[in-house]
Amino acid sequence: MPDLADKRVIDFGCGRGGMVQRAMEAGARSALGIDFNPNYIAFARDKVARRWDGAASFACADIRDTPVEMADIVVSCNTMEHVMPLRETLRSVTAACRPGGEMFIGFSPLWHSPFGHHGLIAPRRPWAHLPRDNRAFLDRLHDDAGNTPDTIAQMGFNGATPADFRAALAGLPIEVISARRNVAGSPLKTALMKAMLLPAAIPALEKFVTVGLYWHLRRRTPKISA
């Protein structure tokens, strides 16, 4: 966690409000959570917002269509792998951060990584969801009428690769402070995931071994002409 004391924070893809709660407990001046799942937002408003008398708030909205007061810190956890209009959304996330402010964006697992299906099917073996243009995943899912999805987008996955995410960042008014991959909660697991990245030097293999991306970004301050 960055230093959030007396900062305004926005959490994009806030879910049930856990990060907003952490921000307020860390001394944030205010925190806004944005998510378009109405059940998550209703829970967050009931369990989190009312504890801070208006300083913590939640919006059930698409960040691309939502005017917000710019924040000192923008965070997003495990959301970007589900975002369909990737570049437009990243542009809006950047616009929600004040010039000179910072963004902390981490997300995992990416679709093409060993278990990128997020556990929606039995893991069995790594990359088992990818064969037959993702039909190995889609054919295991059935609705009440026995129908299967046509695309992974219908299940909330954008299928973006590390190269796609880099391309989505290109041209935005940001400075990349750090861009890490395959970070885990323990040193041993992190070491194992870093070792898995060795084949990433071969461009065609990068998407299959990149489990997660973790960005620390800063929005550039516009230059003032003399």
C-alpha atoms as a PDB file:
ATOM      1  CA  MET A   1       0.000   0.000   0.000  1.00  0.00           C
ATOM      2  CA  PRO A   2       1.261   3.503  -0.792  1.00  0.00           C
ATOM      3  CA  ASP A   3       1.049   6.273   1.794  1.00  0.00           C
ATOM      4  CA  LEU A   4      -2.620   7.254   1.682  1.00  0.00           C
ATOM      5  CA  ALA A   5      -2.676   9.679   4.622  1.00  0.00           C
ATOM      6  CA  ASP A   6      -4.835  12.707   3.769  1.00  0.00           C
ATOM      7  CA  LYS A   7      -5.083  11.603   0.115  1.00  0.00           C
ATOM      8  CA  ARG A   8      -8.117  11.359  -2.115  1.00  0.00           C
ATOM      9  CA  VAL A   9      -8.308   7.802  -3.465  1.00  0.00           C
ATOM     10  CA  ILE A  10     -10.276   6.204  -6.299  1.00  0.00           C
ATOM     11  CA  ASP A  11     -10.592   2.425  -6.560  1.00  0.00           C
ATOM     12  CA  PHE A  12     -11.546   1.342 -10.077  1.00  0.00           C
ATOM     13  CA  GLY A  13     -13.258  -2.053 -10.030  1.00  0.00           C
ATOM     14  CA  CYS A  14     -13.864  -1.806  -6.293  1.00  0.00           C
ATOM     15  CA  GLY A  15     -15.960  -4.952  -5.916  1.00  0.00           C
ATOM     16  CA  ARG A  16     -17.447  -5.088  -2.433  1.00  0.00           C
ATOM     17  CA  GLY A  17     -15.370  -2.180  -1.155  1.00  0.00           C
ATOM     18  CA  GLY A  18     -12.461  -3.873   0.590  1.00  0.00           C
ATOM     19  CA  MET A  19      -9.802  -1.559  -0.842  1.00  0.00           C
ATOM     20  CA  VAL A  20     -11.859   1.532  -0.032  1.00  0.00           C
ATOM     21  CA  GLN A  21     -12.112   0.322   3.542  1.00  0.00           C
ATOM     22  CA  ARG A  22      -8.349  -0.222   3.680  1.00  0.00           C
ATOM     23  CA  ALA A  23      -7.755   3.256   2.263  1.00  0.00           C
ATOM     24  CA  MET A  24      -9.943   4.891   4.893  1.00  0.00           C
ATOM     25  CA  GLU A  25      -8.299   2.884   7.662  1.00  0.00           C
ATOM     26  CA  ALA A  26      -4.934   4.079   6.306  1.00  0.00           C
ATOM     27  CA  GLY A  27      -5.972   7.712   6.782  1.00  0.00           C
ATOM     28  CA  ALA A  28      -7.247   8.688   3.342  1.00  0.00           C
ATOM     29  CA  ARG A  29      -9.121  11.986   3.274  1.00  0.00           C
ATOM     30  CA  SER A  30     -11.769  10.421   1.039  1.00  0.00           C
ATOM     31  CA  ALA A  31     -12.197   7.344  -1.138  1.00  0.00           C
ATOM     32  CA  LEU A  32     -14.494   6.577  -4.056  1.00  0.00           C
ATOM     33  CA  GLY A  33     -15.109   3.044  -5.291  1.00  0.00           C
ATOM     34  CA  ILE A  34     -16.354   2.528  -8.851  1.00  0.00           C
ATOM     35  CA  ASP A  35     -17.852  -0.721 -10.143  1.00  0.00           C
ATOM     36  CA  PHE A  36     -20.786  -1.539 -12.390  1.00  0.00           C
ATOM     37  CA  ASN A  37     -21.945  -4.596 -10.445  1.00  0.00           C
ATOM     38  CA  PRO A  38     -25.011  -3.303  -8.541  1.00  0.00           C
ATOM     39  CA  ASN A  39     -24.886  -6.111  -5.970  1.00  0.00           C
ATOM     40  CA  TYR A  40     -21.277  -5.289  -5.087  1.00  0.00           C
ATOM     41  CA  ILE A  41     -22.048  -1.587  -4.808  1.00  0.00           C
ATOM     42  CA  ALA A  42     -25.107  -2.184  -2.623  1.00  0.00           C
ATOM     43  CA  PHE A  43     -23.010  -4.315  -0.280  1.00  0.00           C
ATOM     44  CA  ALA A  44     -20.198  -1.724  -0.189  1.00  0.00           C
ATOM     45  CA  ARG A  45     -22.563   1.124   0.578  1.00  0.00           C
ATOM     46  CA  ASP A  46     -24.163  -0.834   3.399  1.00  0.00           C
ATOM     47  CA  LYS A  47     -21.025  -2.265   4.965  1.00  0.00           C
ATOM     48  CA  VAL A  48     -18.333   0.317   4.184  1.00  0.00           C
ATOM     49  CA  ALA A  49     -19.650   3.746   3.173  1.00  0.00           C
ATOM     50  CA  ARG A  50     -21.783   4.372   6.228  1.00  0.00           C
ATOM     51  CA  ARG A  51     -18.801   3.891   8.534  1.00  0.00           C
ATOM     52  CA  TRP A  52     -17.123   7.082   7.307  1.00  0.00           C
ATOM     53  CA  ASP A  53     -19.972   9.581   7.114  1.00  0.00           C
ATOM     54  CA  GLY A  54     -19.670  10.465   3.448  1.00  0.00           C
ATOM     55  CA  ALA A  55     -15.886  10.354   3.164  1.00  0.00           C
ATOM     56  CA  ALA A  56     -16.169   6.866   1.640  1.00  0.00           C
ATOM     57  CA  SER A  57     -18.560   6.585  -1.288  1.00  0.00           C
ATOM     58  CA  PHE A  58     -19.396   4.227  -4.135  1.00  0.00           C
ATOM     59  CA  ALA A  59     -20.659   4.691  -7.679  1.00  0.00           C
ATOM     60  CA  CYS A  60     -22.331   1.988  -9.737  1.00  0.00           C
ATOM     61  CA  ALA A  61     -21.059   3.251 -13.063  1.00  0.00           C
ATOM     62  CA  ASP A  62     -18.737   2.900 -16.034  1.00  0.00           C
ATOM     63  CA  ILE A  63     -15.684   5.073 -15.357  1.00  0.00           C
ATOM     64  CA  ARG A  64     -15.717   6.174 -18.999  1.00  0.00           C
ATOM     65  CA  ASP A  65     -19.080   7.883 -18.467  1.00  0.00           C
ATOM     66  CA  THR A  66     -18.613   9.142 -14.914  1.00  0.00           C
ATOM     67  CA  PRO A  67     -17.277  12.622 -14.114  1.00  0.00           C
ATOM     68  CA  VAL A  68     -15.213  12.351 -10.928  1.00  0.00           C
ATOM     69  CA  GLU A  69     -13.131  14.679  -8.806  1.00  0.00           C
ATOM     70  CA  MET A  70      -9.529  13.826  -9.642  1.00  0.00           C
ATOM     71  CA  ALA A  71      -7.711  11.726  -7.062  1.00  0.00           C
ATOM     72  CA  ASP A  72      -4.202  11.794  -5.642  1.00  0.00           C
ATOM     73  CA  ILE A  73      -4.049   7.993  -5.846  1.00  0.00           C
ATOM     74  CA  VAL A  74      -5.929   5.651  -8.189  1.00  0.00           C
ATOM     75  CA  VAL A  75      -5.843   1.929  -7.470  1.00  0.00           C
ATOM     76  CA  SER A  76      -7.247  -1.044  -9.326  1.00  0.00           C
ATOM     77  CA  CYS A  77      -6.959  -4.680  -8.327  1.00  0.00           C
ATOM     78  CA  ASN A  78      -7.764  -7.671 -10.552  1.00  0.00           C
ATOM     79  CA  THR A  79     -10.005  -5.737 -12.904  1.00  0.00           C
ATOM     80  CA  MET A  80      -8.121  -4.944 -16.117  1.00  0.00           C
ATOM     81  CA  GLU A  81      -8.193  -8.539 -17.384  1.00  0.00           C
ATOM     82  CA  HIS A  82     -12.000  -8.191 -17.554  1.00  0.00           C
ATOM     83  CA  VAL A  83     -12.179  -4.765 -19.233  1.00  0.00           C
ATOM     84  CA  MET A  84     -13.307  -4.919 -22.865  1.00  0.00           C
ATOM     85  CA  PRO A  85     -12.691  -1.337 -24.153  1.00  0.00           C
ATOM     86  CA  LEU A  86      -9.166  -1.486 -22.747  1.00  0.00           C
ATOM     87  CA  ARG A  87      -7.529   1.639 -24.134  1.00  0.00           C
ATOM     88  CA  GLU A  88     -10.556   3.856 -23.550  1.00  0.00           C
ATOM     89  CA  THR A  89     -10.881   2.635 -19.974  1.00  0.00           C
ATOM     90  CA  LEU A  90      -7.194   3.190 -19.212  1.00  0.00           C
ATOM     91  CA  ARG A  91      -7.533   6.698 -20.635  1.00  0.00           C
ATOM     92  CA  SER A  92     -10.431   7.359 -18.241  1.00  0.00           C
ATOM     93  CA  VAL A  93      -8.542   5.859 -15.299  1.00  0.00           C
ATOM     94  CA  THR A  94      -5.626   8.163 -16.102  1.00  0.00           C
ATOM     95  CA  ALA A  95      -7.967  11.161 -16.394  1.00  0.00           C
ATOM     96  CA  ALA A  96      -9.300  10.353 -12.897  1.00  0.00           C
ATOM     97  CA  CYS A  97      -5.801  10.888 -11.466  1.00  0.00           C
ATOM     98  CA  ARG A  98      -4.564  14.417 -10.897  1.00  0.00           C
ATOM     99  CA  PRO A  99      -1.370  15.519 -12.669  1.00  0.00           C
ATOM    100  CA  GLY A 100       1.502  14.331 -10.497  1.00  0.00           C
ATOM    101  CA  GLY A 101      -0.751  11.742  -8.850  1.00  0.00           C
ATOM    102  CA  GLU A 102       0.005   8.028  -8.897  1.00  0.00           C
ATOM    103  CA  MET A 103      -1.742   4.878 -10.088  1.00  0.00           C
ATOM    104  CA  PHE A 104      -1.274   1.379  -8.709  1.00  0.00           C
ATOM    105  CA  ILE A 105      -2.802  -1.191 -11.046  1.00  0.00           C
ATOM    106  CA  GLY A 106      -2.355  -4.930 -10.574  1.00  0.00           C
ATOM    107  CA  PHE A 107      -4.238  -7.783 -12.194  1.00  0.00           C
ATOM    108  CA  SER A 108      -3.979 -11.544 -12.489  1.00  0.00           C
ATOM    109  CA  PRO A 109      -4.331 -14.179 -13.844  1.00  0.00           C
ATOM    110  CA  LEU A 110      -4.168 -13.171 -17.491  1.00  0.00           C
ATOM    111  CA  TRP A 111      -6.248 -15.328 -19.798  1.00  0.00           C
ATOM    112  CA  HIS A 112      -3.411 -17.144 -21.586  1.00  0.00           C
ATOM    113  CA  SER A 113      -1.511 -17.993 -18.386  1.00  0.00           C
ATOM    114  CA  PRO A 114      -1.646 -21.537 -16.961  1.00  0.00           C
ATOM    115  CA  PHE A 115      -4.918 -21.106 -15.049  1.00  0.00           C
ATOM    116  CA  GLY A 116      -6.238 -17.941 -16.655  1.00  0.00           C
ATOM    117  CA  HIS A 117      -9.812 -19.235 -16.555  1.00  0.00           C
ATOM    118  CA  HIS A 118     -10.059 -17.987 -12.933  1.00  0.00           C
ATOM    119  CA  GLY A 119     -11.160 -21.376 -11.644  1.00  0.00           C
ATOM    120  CA  LEU A 120     -14.452 -21.429 -13.550  1.00  0.00           C
ATOM    121  CA  ILE A 121     -13.584 -24.930 -14.709  1.00  0.00           C
ATOM    122  CA  ALA A 122     -11.630 -27.661 -12.968  1.00  0.00           C
ATOM    123  CA  PRO A 123      -7.904 -26.746 -13.305  1.00  0.00           C
ATOM    124  CA  ARG A 124      -6.721 -30.277 -14.165  1.00  0.00           C
ATOM    125  CA  ARG A 125      -3.626 -29.219 -16.096  1.00  0.00           C
ATOM    126  CA  PRO A 126      -2.076 -25.879 -17.057  1.00  0.00           C
ATOM    127  CA  TRP A 127      -3.376 -24.146 -20.195  1.00  0.00           C
ATOM    128  CA  ALA A 128      -6.164 -26.756 -20.524  1.00  0.00           C
ATOM    129  CA  HIS A 129      -8.683 -23.987 -21.251  1.00  0.00           C
ATOM    130  CA  LEU A 130      -6.983 -22.694 -24.416  1.00  0.00           C
ATOM    131  CA  PRO A 131      -7.154 -25.451 -27.087  1.00  0.00           C
ATOM    132  CA  ARG A 132      -9.570 -25.189 -29.991  1.00  0.00           C
ATOM    133  CA  ASP A 133      -9.638 -21.390 -29.827  1.00  0.00           C
ATOM    134  CA  ASN A 134     -10.878 -21.434 -26.209  1.00  0.00           C
ATOM    135  CA  ARG A 135     -13.598 -24.012 -26.876  1.00  0.00           C
ATOM    136  CA  ALA A 136     -11.860 -26.295 -24.351  1.00  0.00           C
ATOM    137  CA  PHE A 137     -13.065 -23.747 -21.792  1.00  0.00           C
ATOM    138  CA  LEU A 138     -16.364 -22.667 -23.312  1.00  0.00           C
ATOM    139  CA  ASP A 139     -17.684 -26.170 -23.951  1.00  0.00           C
ATOM    140  CA  ARG A 140     -17.495 -26.955 -20.226  1.00  0.00           C
ATOM    141  CA  LEU A 141     -19.889 -24.140 -19.349  1.00  0.00           C
ATOM    142  CA  HIS A 142     -23.644 -24.589 -19.675  1.00  0.00           C
ATOM    143  CA  ASP A 143     -26.651 -22.479 -18.751  1.00  0.00           C
ATOM    144  CA  ASP A 144     -29.946 -23.926 -17.533  1.00  0.00           C
ATOM    145  CA  ALA A 145     -31.002 -24.650 -21.099  1.00  0.00           C
ATOM    146  CA  GLY A 146     -27.740 -26.443 -21.859  1.00  0.00           C
ATOM    147  CA  ASN A 147     -26.317 -23.693 -24.056  1.00  0.00           C
ATOM    148  CA  THR A 148     -22.624 -22.808 -24.043  1.00  0.00           C
ATOM    149  CA  PRO A 149     -21.095 -19.323 -24.528  1.00  0.00           C
ATOM    150  CA  ASP A 150     -19.817 -18.308 -27.939  1.00  0.00           C
ATOM    151  CA  THR A 151     -16.845 -16.244 -26.730  1.00  0.00           C
ATOM    152  CA  ILE A 152     -14.788 -15.692 -23.600  1.00  0.00           C
ATOM    153  CA  ALA A 153     -15.976 -12.065 -23.653  1.00  0.00           C
ATOM    154  CA  GLN A 154     -19.436 -13.348 -22.724  1.00  0.00           C
ATOM    155  CA  MET A 155     -17.824 -14.763 -19.586  1.00  0.00           C
ATOM    156  CA  GLY A 156     -16.104 -11.489 -18.726  1.00  0.00           C
ATOM    157  CA  PHE A 157     -12.588 -12.090 -20.063  1.00  0.00           C
ATOM    158  CA  ASN A 158     -10.921  -9.769 -22.561  1.00  0.00           C
ATOM    159  CA  GLY A 159      -8.166 -12.245 -23.458  1.00  0.00           C
ATOM    160  CA  ALA A 160      -5.630  -9.401 -23.641  1.00  0.00           C
ATOM    161  CA  THR A 161      -1.943 -10.257 -23.789  1.00  0.00           C
ATOM    162  CA  PRO A 162       0.950  -8.350 -22.181  1.00  0.00           C
ATOM    163  CA  ALA A 163       1.599  -6.781 -25.583  1.00  0.00           C
ATOM    164  CA  ASP A 164      -2.037  -5.633 -25.741  1.00  0.00           C
ATOM    165  CA  PHE A 165      -1.731  -3.980 -22.324  1.00  0.00           C
ATOM    166  CA  ARG A 166       1.501  -2.229 -23.290  1.00  0.00           C
ATOM    167  CA  ALA A 167      -0.138  -0.962 -26.457  1.00  0.00           C
ATOM    168  CA  ALA A 168      -3.096   0.341 -24.435  1.00  0.00           C
ATOM    169  CA  LEU A 169      -0.734   2.398 -22.264  1.00  0.00           C
ATOM    170  CA  ALA A 170       1.132   3.889 -25.223  1.00  0.00           C
ATOM    171  CA  GLY A 171       0.475   7.570 -25.750  1.00  0.00           C
ATOM    172  CA  LEU A 172      -1.191   8.163 -22.392  1.00  0.00           C
ATOM    173  CA  PRO A 173       0.213  11.034 -20.268  1.00  0.00           C
ATOM    174  CA  ILE A 174       1.914   8.733 -17.795  1.00  0.00           C
ATOM    175  CA  GLU A 175       5.347   7.872 -16.493  1.00  0.00           C
ATOM    176  CA  VAL A 176       5.947   4.195 -15.778  1.00  0.00           C
ATOM    177  CA  ILE A 177       7.636   4.044 -12.388  1.00  0.00           C
ATOM    178  CA  SER A 178       7.671   0.258 -12.329  1.00  0.00           C
ATOM    179  CA  ALA A 179       6.131  -2.555 -14.361  1.00  0.00           C
ATOM    180  CA  ARG A 180       6.494  -5.926 -12.691  1.00  0.00           C
ATOM    181  CA  ARG A 181       5.221  -9.346 -13.661  1.00  0.00           C
ATOM    182  CA  ASN A 182       4.300 -12.500 -11.781  1.00  0.00           C
ATOM    183  CA  VAL A 183       4.358 -11.090  -8.259  1.00  0.00           C
ATOM    184  CA  ALA A 184       3.041 -13.379  -5.521  1.00  0.00           C
ATOM    185  CA  GLY A 185       2.325 -13.241  -1.811  1.00  0.00           C
ATOM    186  CA  SER A 186       5.366 -15.225  -0.703  1.00  0.00           C
ATOM    187  CA  PRO A 187       9.045 -15.060  -1.740  1.00  0.00           C
ATOM    188  CA  LEU A 188       9.045 -18.728  -2.770  1.00  0.00           C
ATOM    189  CA  LYS A 189       5.993 -18.421  -4.995  1.00  0.00           C
ATOM    190  CA  THR A 190       7.325 -15.196  -6.472  1.00  0.00           C
ATOM    191  CA  ALA A 191      10.635 -16.914  -7.270  1.00  0.00           C
ATOM    192  CA  LEU A 192       8.806 -19.770  -8.980  1.00  0.00           C
ATOM    193  CA  MET A 193       6.646 -17.405 -11.007  1.00  0.00           C
ATOM    194  CA  LYS A 194       9.673 -15.326 -11.995  1.00  0.00           C
ATOM    195  CA  ALA A 195      11.435 -18.495 -13.169  1.00  0.00           C
ATOM    196  CA  MET A 196       8.414 -19.262 -15.323  1.00  0.00           C
ATOM    197  CA  LEU A 197       9.040 -15.980 -17.131  1.00  0.00           C
ATOM    198  CA  LEU A 198      12.316 -17.188 -18.660  1.00  0.00           C
ATOM    199  CA  PRO A 199      10.619 -18.216 -21.943  1.00  0.00           C
ATOM    200  CA  ALA A 200       9.046 -14.733 -22.148  1.00  0.00           C
ATOM    201  CA  ALA A 201      12.143 -13.579 -24.026  1.00  0.00           C
ATOM    202  CA  ILE A 202      10.550 -15.361 -26.999  1.00  0.00           C
ATOM    203  CA  PRO A 203       7.690 -13.017 -28.024  1.00  0.00           C
ATOM    204  CA  ALA A 204       5.392 -15.854 -29.079  1.00  0.00           C
ATOM    205  CA  LEU A 205       5.618 -17.396 -25.595  1.00  0.00           C
ATOM    206  CA  GLU A 206       5.304 -14.269 -23.460  1.00  0.00           C
ATOM    207  CA  LYS A 207       1.521 -14.396 -23.093  1.00  0.00           C
ATOM    208  CA  PHE A 208       1.582 -18.008 -21.908  1.00  0.00           C
ATOM    209  CA  VAL A 209       3.961 -17.402 -18.993  1.00  0.00           C
ATOM    210  CA  THR A 210       2.840 -13.956 -17.805  1.00  0.00           C
ATOM    211  CA  VAL A 211       0.391 -14.610 -14.986  1.00  0.00           C
ATOM    212  CA  GLY A 212       0.006 -11.060 -13.685  1.00  0.00           C
ATOM    213  CA  LEU A 213       0.999  -7.457 -14.403  1.00  0.00           C
ATOM    214  CA  TYR A 214       1.631  -4.877 -11.671  1.00  0.00           C
ATOM    215  CA  TRP A 215       2.042  -1.234 -12.645  1.00  0.00           C
ATOM    216  CA  HIS A 216       3.081   1.794 -10.631  1.00  0.00           C
ATOM    217  CA  LEU A 217       2.364   4.809 -12.808  1.00  0.00           C
ATOM    218  CA  ARG A 218       2.450   8.566 -12.388  1.00  0.00           C
ATOM    219  CA  ARG A 219       0.346  10.996 -14.385  1.00  0.00           C
ATOM    220  CA  ARG A 220       2.569  13.552 -16.037  1.00  0.00           C
ATOM    221  CA  THR A 221       2.249  17.204 -15.138  1.00  0.00           C
ATOM    222  CA  PRO A 222       1.641  19.285 -18.259  1.00  0.00           C
ATOM    223  CA  LYS A 223       4.538  21.524 -19.224  1.00  0.00           C
ATOM    224  CA  ILE A 224       3.814  25.221 -19.008  1.00  0.00           C
ATOM    225  CA  SER A 225       5.207  27.271 -21.851  1.00  0.00           C
ATOM    226  CA  ALA A 226       7.283  30.292 -20.907  1.00  0.00           C
END
